[in-house]
Amino acid sequence: MSLGFSAIVFSASAQPKKSKDNKAKPNIIYILADDLGIGDLSCYGSDSNHTPIIDQLAKSGIRFNNGYTVPLCGPSRALILTGRYAFRTGAVNQDMCGDMKPSNEVLIPTVLKSAGYVTSMVGKWGQLPLQPSDFGFDDYIRFKGSGIYWSKEKSKAVMYTVNGVDKPLGDDYMPDLMHNHMVNFVSNNKDKPFFLYYSLVQVHAKIQETPDSKPGSDLYADNIAYMDKLVGKLLKVLDSLKLKENTFIYFMGDNGTANQYAARGTIKGKPLSGKKGSMLECGALVPNIAYWPGVIAPGQVTNTLMDASDLLPTFADIAGAKLPTQNVLDGRSFLPQLLGKKGNPRDWIFIELGNKWYVRDAKWKLNREDELFDMSNAPFEEKLIKTNETDESKTARTRLQAVLDNLNPAGGIIDNAGGSGRHGKKEKKNEPE
């Protein structure tokens, strides 16, 4: 079966095209998969799922072993789109994400538009306020919730929004409707550089049947497979329009696997430490895959540390766009690493949700409670160092504490609710987000 990948000659020394001609600028497609942990993809070793198209995407580019984001949907998306930690933006819980304002925060589409890009947002807009157009997107199609894919599932009309116009869902499958809009956007803008933010929501509760589901089938596995299929359909569109070789694709999960499905996300028979909403490793450790034909050498797996604040400066670097200067940016571009160069890699990543936070380097993690963890056996185990610290652990504690002291999250915007990062007004521990 063809996965939509054509034969490509790769060069690690290739450079992104630099030209005043907008057509020479690479297109950027950012695919964000809701509730997709590392245990959900076979290229990361999943025992339960088979994702051949995404696996091939990883084999044809770079797969990150240490890519992190916030462990919950809304705060994760706020971090991704602003490149700023939550204690700066206020997006420390789901409700507070809704307080973000276009006058205060500059998001990725606005940055890229300054470099001549046309921009579109397709899929879930999540807990972010207003409409995507208010934050700089030229085009969008969005729906409010997850698991709202069939009009037959609801007693009242299922609605979605296209560029400010609310529309009822007919007999279509919502993810297919989103895909069709995305195809039209790409086709209509094939002669311009474009940025597409494609927010897939396939395995976010409520898990429903797909058009390919059979009676009695595993619906979670069905949805993973359909998500994989949608990625393949996108690749075929790029092929048909002869756009793939000038398109950078970044695929990522927005947080770890959801509570009720985390147990099935084993790797080589081993359970993972953490899940969605958790400050353990696999709440924040998510799939990260970069693909850029002719620029990124294939077959790479990297342990380079990155967190989601790095996406905005990386995309800006690729586009040749100037970074916003009105706010402090926490991210740093990892474009040099994509090109096989040393660059300025991170020594640590920072994760914050609700009233909790931690900083982590390649081996150690230090949290707000001053607990130090040995992460040598992550993502399966994180060992709390209680007594008998070694010289190495003492040095690590001092080093990571200095990072936290410099960031000073306690001096920024603080969680105003129950501290979990979820909806403070409801504070339902098991409520899907």
Protein backbone atom coordinates (compact mmCIF):
# COMPACT_ATOMS: atom_id res chain seq x y z
CA MET A 1 0.00 0.00 0.00
CA SER A 2 1.35 3.41 -0.92
CA LEU A 3 1.61 5.81 1.99
CA GLY A 4 1.89 8.86 -0.21
CA PHE A 5 5.69 9.13 0.10
CA SER A 6 7.61 9.58 -3.12
CA ALA A 7 11.25 8.70 -3.57
CA ILE A 8 13.32 11.59 -2.22
CA VAL A 9 17.03 12.28 -2.09
CA PHE A 10 17.88 13.78 1.31
CA SER A 11 20.84 15.93 2.28
CA ALA A 12 21.72 16.73 5.88
CA SER A 13 23.56 19.82 4.69
CA ALA A 14 20.58 21.20 2.79
CA GLN A 15 19.37 24.63 3.79
CA PRO A 16 15.88 26.12 3.78
CA LYS A 17 15.29 28.24 0.73
CA LYS A 18 16.05 31.92 1.20
CA SER A 19 14.43 34.30 -1.25
CA LYS A 20 12.40 37.45 -1.41
CA ASP A 21 10.04 35.50 -3.63
CA ASN A 22 7.26 34.19 -1.39
CA LYS A 23 6.93 31.04 -3.52
CA ALA A 24 10.39 29.94 -2.41
CA LYS A 25 9.51 30.07 1.27
CA PRO A 26 8.67 26.63 2.70
CA ASN A 27 5.11 25.87 3.66
CA ILE A 28 4.70 24.93 7.33
CA ILE A 29 2.14 22.36 8.47
CA TYR A 30 1.76 21.81 12.19
CA ILE A 31 -0.30 18.75 13.13
CA LEU A 32 -1.38 18.61 16.77
CA ALA A 33 -3.00 15.35 17.89
CA ASP A 34 -5.21 15.61 20.98
CA ASP A 35 -4.47 13.25 23.92
CA LEU A 36 -1.85 11.34 21.93
CA GLY A 37 0.89 9.99 24.19
CA ILE A 38 4.06 8.18 23.16
CA GLY A 39 2.37 4.85 23.98
CA ASP A 40 -0.16 5.48 21.19
CA LEU A 41 2.23 5.34 18.21
CA SER A 42 4.01 2.27 16.91
CA CYS A 43 7.09 4.32 15.94
CA TYR A 44 7.55 4.96 19.68
CA GLY A 45 7.06 1.25 20.43
CA SER A 46 3.32 1.05 21.20
CA ASP A 47 2.16 -2.49 21.93
CA SER A 48 -1.48 -1.71 21.12
CA ASN A 49 -1.56 0.46 18.01
CA HIS A 50 -0.28 0.35 14.44
CA THR A 51 0.39 3.70 12.77
CA PRO A 52 2.22 2.95 9.51
CA ILE A 53 1.86 6.38 7.90
CA ILE A 54 3.02 8.37 10.92
CA ASP A 55 5.79 5.78 11.40
CA GLN A 56 6.94 6.42 7.84
CA LEU A 57 6.85 10.16 8.49
CA ALA A 58 9.21 9.56 11.42
CA LYS A 59 11.48 7.28 9.39
CA SER A 60 11.72 9.93 6.70
CA GLY A 61 12.70 12.66 9.16
CA ILE A 62 13.49 13.10 12.85
CA ARG A 63 11.77 11.52 15.84
CA PHE A 64 12.30 13.28 19.16
CA ASN A 65 12.63 11.14 22.30
CA ASN A 66 12.56 14.16 24.62
CA GLY A 67 9.86 16.53 23.39
CA TYR A 68 7.60 17.99 26.11
CA THR A 69 4.54 20.15 26.51
CA VAL A 70 1.99 21.00 29.22
CA PRO A 71 0.06 17.90 30.40
CA LEU A 72 -3.41 19.39 29.62
CA CYS A 73 -5.08 20.61 26.42
CA GLY A 74 -5.76 24.33 26.91
CA PRO A 75 -2.52 25.30 28.68
CA SER A 76 -0.57 23.18 26.20
CA ARG A 77 -2.06 25.01 23.21
CA ALA A 78 -1.42 28.37 24.85
CA LEU A 79 2.25 27.47 25.34
CA ILE A 80 2.58 26.19 21.77
CA LEU A 81 1.03 29.21 20.10
CA THR A 82 2.69 31.92 22.22
CA GLY A 83 6.12 30.40 22.93
CA ARG A 84 5.69 31.63 26.52
CA TYR A 85 5.40 29.81 29.82
CA ALA A 86 2.09 29.92 31.66
CA PHE A 87 3.25 32.08 34.56
CA ARG A 88 3.77 34.81 31.95
CA THR A 89 0.55 34.37 29.91
CA GLY A 90 -1.74 33.28 32.76
CA ALA A 91 -2.71 30.06 30.94
CA VAL A 92 -2.03 27.93 34.02
CA ASN A 93 -5.43 26.21 34.03
CA GLN A 94 -8.20 25.53 31.54
CA ASP A 95 -10.39 28.46 32.60
CA MET A 96 -7.55 30.98 32.70
CA CYS A 97 -6.61 30.14 29.10
CA GLY A 98 -9.83 31.93 28.20
CA ASP A 99 -8.46 35.18 29.60
CA MET A 100 -5.78 35.47 26.92
CA LYS A 101 -6.22 38.56 24.72
CA PRO A 102 -4.90 39.41 21.26
CA SER A 103 -3.71 42.73 22.64
CA ASN A 104 -1.48 40.94 25.16
CA GLU A 105 -0.19 37.89 23.29
CA VAL A 106 1.30 37.41 19.83
CA LEU A 107 0.60 33.97 18.36
CA ILE A 108 2.33 31.99 15.63
CA PRO A 109 0.04 33.09 12.74
CA THR A 110 0.71 36.78 13.38
CA VAL A 111 4.46 36.13 13.44
CA LEU A 112 4.38 34.22 10.16
CA LYS A 113 2.04 36.64 8.40
CA SER A 114 4.72 39.28 8.80
CA ALA A 115 6.90 37.10 6.54
CA GLY A 116 4.24 36.80 3.85
CA TYR A 117 2.45 33.64 4.98
CA VAL A 118 -1.26 32.97 4.63
CA THR A 119 -2.55 31.06 7.65
CA SER A 120 -5.31 28.62 8.52
CA MET A 121 -6.52 26.83 11.64
CA VAL A 122 -8.41 23.56 11.16
CA GLY A 123 -10.00 21.50 13.94
CA LYS A 124 -10.21 22.02 17.69
CA TRP A 125 -9.63 25.55 19.02
CA GLY A 126 -9.89 24.19 22.56
CA GLN A 127 -10.09 26.38 25.64
CA LEU A 128 -8.62 29.41 23.90
CA PRO A 129 -10.91 32.47 23.70
CA LEU A 130 -12.62 34.29 20.84
CA GLN A 131 -12.07 32.98 17.32
CA PRO A 132 -8.83 31.96 15.58
CA SER A 133 -9.17 35.03 13.35
CA ASP A 134 -8.91 37.28 16.40
CA PHE A 135 -5.41 35.89 16.98
CA GLY A 136 -4.20 36.27 13.41
CA PHE A 137 -5.50 33.33 11.36
CA ASP A 138 -6.69 34.30 7.88
CA ASP A 139 -8.92 31.25 7.60
CA TYR A 140 -10.40 28.72 9.97
CA ILE A 141 -12.84 25.91 10.53
CA ARG A 142 -13.39 24.85 14.11
CA PHE A 143 -15.69 22.86 16.34
CA LYS A 144 -16.06 23.26 20.06
CA GLY A 145 -15.75 19.82 21.52
CA SER A 146 -14.21 16.42 21.11
CA GLY A 147 -16.18 13.31 20.31
CA ILE A 148 -18.78 15.42 18.46
CA TYR A 149 -18.33 13.80 15.09
CA TRP A 150 -21.80 12.62 14.04
CA SER A 151 -25.04 14.58 14.01
CA LYS A 152 -26.87 11.30 14.66
CA GLU A 153 -25.27 11.13 18.11
CA LYS A 154 -27.04 14.26 19.37
CA SER A 155 -30.68 15.24 19.85
CA LYS A 156 -29.93 18.82 18.76
CA ALA A 157 -27.87 20.19 15.90
CA VAL A 158 -24.13 19.66 16.04
CA MET A 159 -22.50 22.95 15.04
CA TYR A 160 -19.16 23.96 13.65
CA THR A 161 -17.83 27.39 12.60
CA VAL A 162 -16.27 28.45 9.30
CA ASN A 163 -14.73 31.92 9.26
CA GLY A 164 -17.28 33.33 11.67
CA VAL A 165 -20.31 31.50 10.28
CA ASP A 166 -21.94 28.80 12.43
CA LYS A 167 -23.14 25.80 10.46
CA PRO A 168 -25.01 22.60 11.37
CA LEU A 169 -23.30 19.28 10.73
CA GLY A 170 -25.26 17.16 8.28
CA ASP A 171 -24.48 13.54 7.53
CA ASP A 172 -20.74 14.15 7.24
CA TYR A 173 -18.14 12.81 9.65
CA MET A 174 -16.67 15.88 11.38
CA PRO A 175 -12.98 14.95 10.90
CA ASP A 176 -13.62 14.39 7.19
CA LEU A 177 -15.31 17.79 6.99
CA MET A 178 -12.25 19.35 8.60
CA HIS A 179 -10.00 17.51 6.14
CA ASN A 180 -11.99 18.76 3.14
CA HIS A 181 -11.69 22.36 4.31
CA MET A 182 -7.98 21.88 4.78
CA VAL A 183 -7.66 20.51 1.21
CA ASN A 184 -9.45 23.57 -0.15
CA PHE A 185 -7.19 25.93 1.81
CA VAL A 186 -4.01 24.22 0.62
CA SER A 187 -5.25 24.03 -2.99
CA ASN A 188 -6.32 27.68 -3.07
CA ASN A 189 -3.00 28.84 -1.61
CA LYS A 190 -0.56 26.50 -3.34
CA ASP A 191 1.24 29.41 -4.98
CA LYS A 192 1.80 31.22 -1.65
CA PRO A 193 3.72 30.19 1.45
CA PHE A 194 1.17 28.95 3.95
CA PHE A 195 1.00 27.94 7.59
CA LEU A 196 -1.56 25.30 8.49
CA TYR A 197 -2.39 24.50 12.11
CA TYR A 198 -4.20 21.15 11.84
CA SER A 199 -5.68 20.15 15.19
CA LEU A 200 -6.70 16.47 15.09
CA VAL A 201 -8.95 15.27 17.92
CA GLN A 202 -9.33 11.61 17.08
CA VAL A 203 -8.69 9.99 20.48
CA HIS A 204 -10.06 12.65 22.78
CA ALA A 205 -13.09 11.41 24.75
CA LYS A 206 -15.78 10.67 23.85
CA ILE A 207 -14.37 7.93 21.61
CA GLN A 208 -16.83 7.27 18.77
CA GLU A 209 -16.95 4.96 15.80
CA THR A 210 -15.17 6.05 12.62
CA PRO A 211 -16.41 5.51 9.07
CA ASP A 212 -14.10 2.49 8.96
CA SER A 213 -15.25 0.89 12.25
CA LYS A 214 -16.72 -2.58 12.19
CA PRO A 215 -19.25 -3.95 14.70
CA GLY A 216 -17.50 -4.91 17.94
CA SER A 217 -14.16 -3.37 16.99
CA ASP A 218 -11.84 -1.57 19.41
CA LEU A 219 -12.94 2.04 18.95
CA TYR A 220 -9.75 3.50 20.40
CA ALA A 221 -7.63 1.51 17.94
CA ASP A 222 -10.07 2.47 15.17
CA ASN A 223 -9.58 6.16 15.93
CA ILE A 224 -5.79 5.86 16.06
CA ALA A 225 -5.94 4.16 12.66
CA TYR A 226 -8.25 6.83 11.23
CA MET A 227 -5.99 9.60 12.49
CA ASP A 228 -3.09 7.86 10.74
CA LYS A 229 -5.23 7.64 7.62
CA LEU A 230 -5.99 11.38 7.71
CA VAL A 231 -2.27 12.16 7.89
CA GLY A 232 -1.78 9.95 4.84
CA LYS A 233 -4.57 11.74 2.97
CA LEU A 234 -2.89 15.07 3.69
CA LEU A 235 0.42 13.77 2.34
CA LYS A 236 -1.28 12.61 -0.85
CA VAL A 237 -2.81 16.07 -1.30
CA LEU A 238 0.64 17.64 -1.00
CA ASP A 239 1.97 15.12 -3.53
CA SER A 240 -0.83 15.81 -6.01
CA LEU A 241 -0.21 19.56 -5.79
CA LYS A 242 3.59 19.08 -6.01
CA LEU A 243 4.01 20.84 -2.68
CA LYS A 244 5.58 18.17 -0.50
CA GLU A 245 9.20 18.96 -1.33
CA ASN A 246 8.77 22.55 -0.18
CA THR A 247 6.74 21.78 2.95
CA PHE A 248 7.95 21.37 6.53
CA ILE A 249 5.66 19.12 8.60
CA TYR A 250 5.74 18.89 12.38
CA PHE A 251 3.59 16.26 14.10
CA MET A 252 3.04 16.37 17.86
CA GLY A 253 0.74 15.29 20.71
CA ASP A 254 -0.84 18.01 22.86
CA ASN A 255 -0.46 16.07 26.13
CA GLY A 256 -0.19 12.50 27.38
CA THR A 257 -2.77 9.76 26.89
CA ALA A 258 -6.06 10.32 28.74
CA ASN A 259 -6.64 8.60 32.09
CA GLN A 260 -9.03 5.89 30.98
CA TYR A 261 -6.80 4.82 28.07
CA ALA A 262 -3.34 5.23 29.57
CA ALA A 263 -3.13 1.61 30.74
CA ARG A 264 -3.28 0.33 27.16
CA GLY A 265 -0.36 2.58 26.13
CA THR A 266 2.44 0.20 27.07
CA ILE A 267 5.80 -0.02 25.30
CA LYS A 268 7.45 -3.46 25.10
CA GLY A 269 5.05 -4.65 27.79
CA LYS A 270 6.01 -1.90 30.24
CA PRO A 271 3.57 0.67 31.63
CA LEU A 272 4.56 4.31 31.31
CA SER A 273 4.99 6.73 34.18
CA GLY A 274 2.33 9.42 33.94
CA LYS A 275 -0.65 10.35 31.78
CA LYS A 276 -2.74 13.37 30.81
CA GLY A 277 -3.04 15.90 33.63
CA SER A 278 -0.18 14.29 35.56
CA MET A 279 3.14 15.91 36.43
CA LEU A 280 4.83 12.55 35.97
CA GLU A 281 6.92 12.03 32.84
CA CYS A 282 4.30 10.95 30.31
CA GLY A 283 1.87 13.69 31.19
CA ALA A 284 4.18 16.05 29.30
CA LEU A 285 6.40 13.75 27.18
CA VAL A 286 4.63 13.45 23.82
CA PRO A 287 5.37 12.37 20.25
CA ASN A 288 7.34 14.95 18.26
CA ILE A 289 8.23 14.25 14.63
CA ALA A 290 9.77 16.61 12.06
CA TYR A 291 9.71 15.94 8.30
CA TRP A 292 11.13 18.14 5.54
CA PRO A 293 12.09 16.44 2.27
CA GLY A 294 15.50 17.36 0.96
CA VAL A 295 16.35 19.35 4.07
CA ILE A 296 16.05 17.00 7.05
CA ALA A 297 18.05 13.82 6.64
CA PRO A 298 15.89 10.70 7.10
CA GLY A 299 16.11 7.99 9.73
CA GLN A 300 17.06 10.17 12.67
CA VAL A 301 16.17 9.68 16.34
CA THR A 302 17.33 12.39 18.70
CA ASN A 303 17.50 12.82 22.47
CA THR A 304 17.69 16.60 22.09
CA LEU A 305 15.60 18.31 24.76
CA MET A 306 12.80 20.57 23.54
CA ASP A 307 9.59 21.92 25.01
CA ALA A 308 6.60 23.37 23.21
CA SER A 309 7.71 26.96 23.73
CA ASP A 310 10.37 26.23 21.09
CA LEU A 311 7.88 25.85 18.24
CA LEU A 312 7.15 29.54 17.64
CA PRO A 313 10.82 30.58 17.29
CA THR A 314 11.56 27.49 15.18
CA PHE A 315 8.71 28.19 12.77
CA ALA A 316 9.77 31.85 12.62
CA ASP A 317 13.33 30.75 11.85
CA ILE A 318 12.13 28.51 9.02
CA ALA A 319 9.93 31.27 7.60
CA GLY A 320 12.51 34.01 7.94
CA ALA A 321 10.10 35.93 10.18
CA LYS A 322 11.04 38.38 12.90
CA LEU A 323 10.24 37.36 16.46
CA PRO A 324 7.80 39.51 18.43
CA THR A 325 9.45 41.86 20.87
CA GLN A 326 6.59 43.03 23.09
CA ASN A 327 6.89 40.04 25.45
CA VAL A 328 9.55 37.75 26.86
CA LEU A 329 9.81 34.59 24.76
CA ASP A 330 10.83 31.35 26.48
CA GLY A 331 11.43 29.21 23.42
CA ARG A 332 14.53 28.83 21.31
CA SER A 333 14.76 27.68 17.71
CA PHE A 334 15.82 24.09 17.11
CA LEU A 335 16.15 24.62 13.35
CA PRO A 336 19.95 24.08 13.52
CA GLN A 337 19.39 20.62 15.05
CA LEU A 338 16.92 19.82 12.26
CA LEU A 339 19.64 20.70 9.78
CA GLY A 340 22.22 18.48 11.47
CA LYS A 341 24.08 21.33 13.15
CA LYS A 342 24.90 21.87 16.82
CA GLY A 343 23.06 25.15 17.24
CA ASN A 344 22.13 26.18 20.77
CA PRO A 345 20.39 23.11 22.25
CA ARG A 346 18.51 23.24 25.52
CA ASP A 347 20.04 22.05 28.78
CA TRP A 348 16.62 21.86 30.46
CA ILE A 349 12.86 22.05 29.86
CA PHE A 350 10.22 23.61 32.11
CA ILE A 351 6.69 22.28 32.67
CA GLU A 352 3.91 24.06 34.56
CA LEU A 353 0.27 23.18 35.18
CA GLY A 354 -2.04 24.59 37.85
CA ASN A 355 -0.01 25.21 40.99
CA LYS A 356 2.71 22.69 40.10
CA TRP A 357 5.87 22.93 38.06
CA TYR A 358 9.19 21.26 37.47
CA VAL A 359 12.41 21.68 35.54
CA ARG A 360 14.08 18.66 33.92
CA ASP A 361 17.39 18.01 32.22
CA ALA A 362 18.67 14.88 30.50
CA LYS A 363 18.81 12.85 33.74
CA TRP A 364 17.24 14.78 36.64
CA LYS A 365 13.94 16.46 37.50
CA LEU A 366 13.33 18.98 40.30
CA ASN A 367 9.79 20.08 41.14
CA ARG A 368 8.20 22.93 43.08
CA GLU A 369 8.11 20.79 46.23
CA ASP A 370 11.92 20.51 46.10
CA GLU A 371 11.69 16.82 45.19
CA LEU A 372 14.54 15.54 43.03
CA PHE A 373 14.01 12.58 40.72
CA ASP A 374 16.53 10.39 38.94
CA MET A 375 15.09 10.03 35.40
CA SER A 376 17.62 7.47 34.13
CA ASN A 377 14.85 4.89 33.60
CA ALA A 378 12.25 7.27 32.18
CA PRO A 379 9.66 7.01 30.71
CA PHE A 380 8.96 3.89 32.77
CA GLU A 381 10.21 4.98 36.17
CA GLU A 382 11.27 8.15 38.01
CA LYS A 383 13.15 7.52 41.20
CA LEU A 384 12.64 10.00 44.06
CA ILE A 385 15.92 10.82 45.79
CA LYS A 386 15.02 10.85 49.50
CA THR A 387 18.27 10.36 51.38
CA ASN A 388 21.96 9.63 50.81
CA GLU A 389 22.40 12.08 47.99
CA THR A 390 25.52 11.64 45.88
CA ASP A 391 27.80 14.39 44.64
CA GLU A 392 26.10 14.03 41.26
CA SER A 393 22.58 14.44 42.67
CA LYS A 394 23.63 17.40 44.83
CA THR A 395 25.17 19.10 41.81
CA ALA A 396 22.02 18.41 39.76
CA ARG A 397 19.77 19.81 42.50
CA THR A 398 21.83 23.01 42.68
CA ARG A 399 21.88 23.38 38.91
CA LEU A 400 18.13 22.87 38.46
CA GLN A 401 17.24 25.04 41.44
CA ALA A 402 19.20 27.86 39.83
CA VAL A 403 17.02 27.48 36.72
CA LEU A 404 13.83 27.69 38.81
CA ASP A 405 15.16 30.68 40.72
CA ASN A 406 15.90 32.47 37.46
CA LEU A 407 12.47 31.70 35.97
CA ASN A 408 10.68 32.53 39.23
CA PRO A 409 7.26 31.09 38.30
CA ALA A 410 5.94 31.92 41.78
CA GLY A 411 6.50 35.59 40.94
CA GLY A 412 4.29 35.39 37.85
CA ILE A 413 0.59 34.72 37.31
CA ILE A 414 -0.61 32.03 39.71
CA ASP A 415 -3.42 29.47 39.46
CA ASN A 416 -6.65 30.99 40.79
CA ALA A 417 -8.54 27.74 41.31
CA GLY A 418 -8.01 24.32 42.85
CA GLY A 419 -4.47 23.83 41.58
CA SER A 420 -5.06 20.85 39.28
CA GLY A 421 -5.01 22.91 36.11
CA ARG A 422 -8.47 21.69 35.16
CA HIS A 423 -11.65 23.75 35.26
CA GLY A 424 -11.44 25.48 38.62
CA LYS A 425 -15.15 26.29 38.59
CA LYS A 426 -15.99 22.59 38.38
CA GLU A 427 -12.89 20.82 39.71
CA LYS A 428 -14.03 17.41 38.53
CA LYS A 429 -10.96 15.26 38.77
CA ASN A 430 -11.94 12.79 36.07
CA GLU A 431 -13.55 15.24 33.70
CA PRO A 432 -12.19 14.98 30.13
CA GLU A 433 -10.69 18.17 28.74
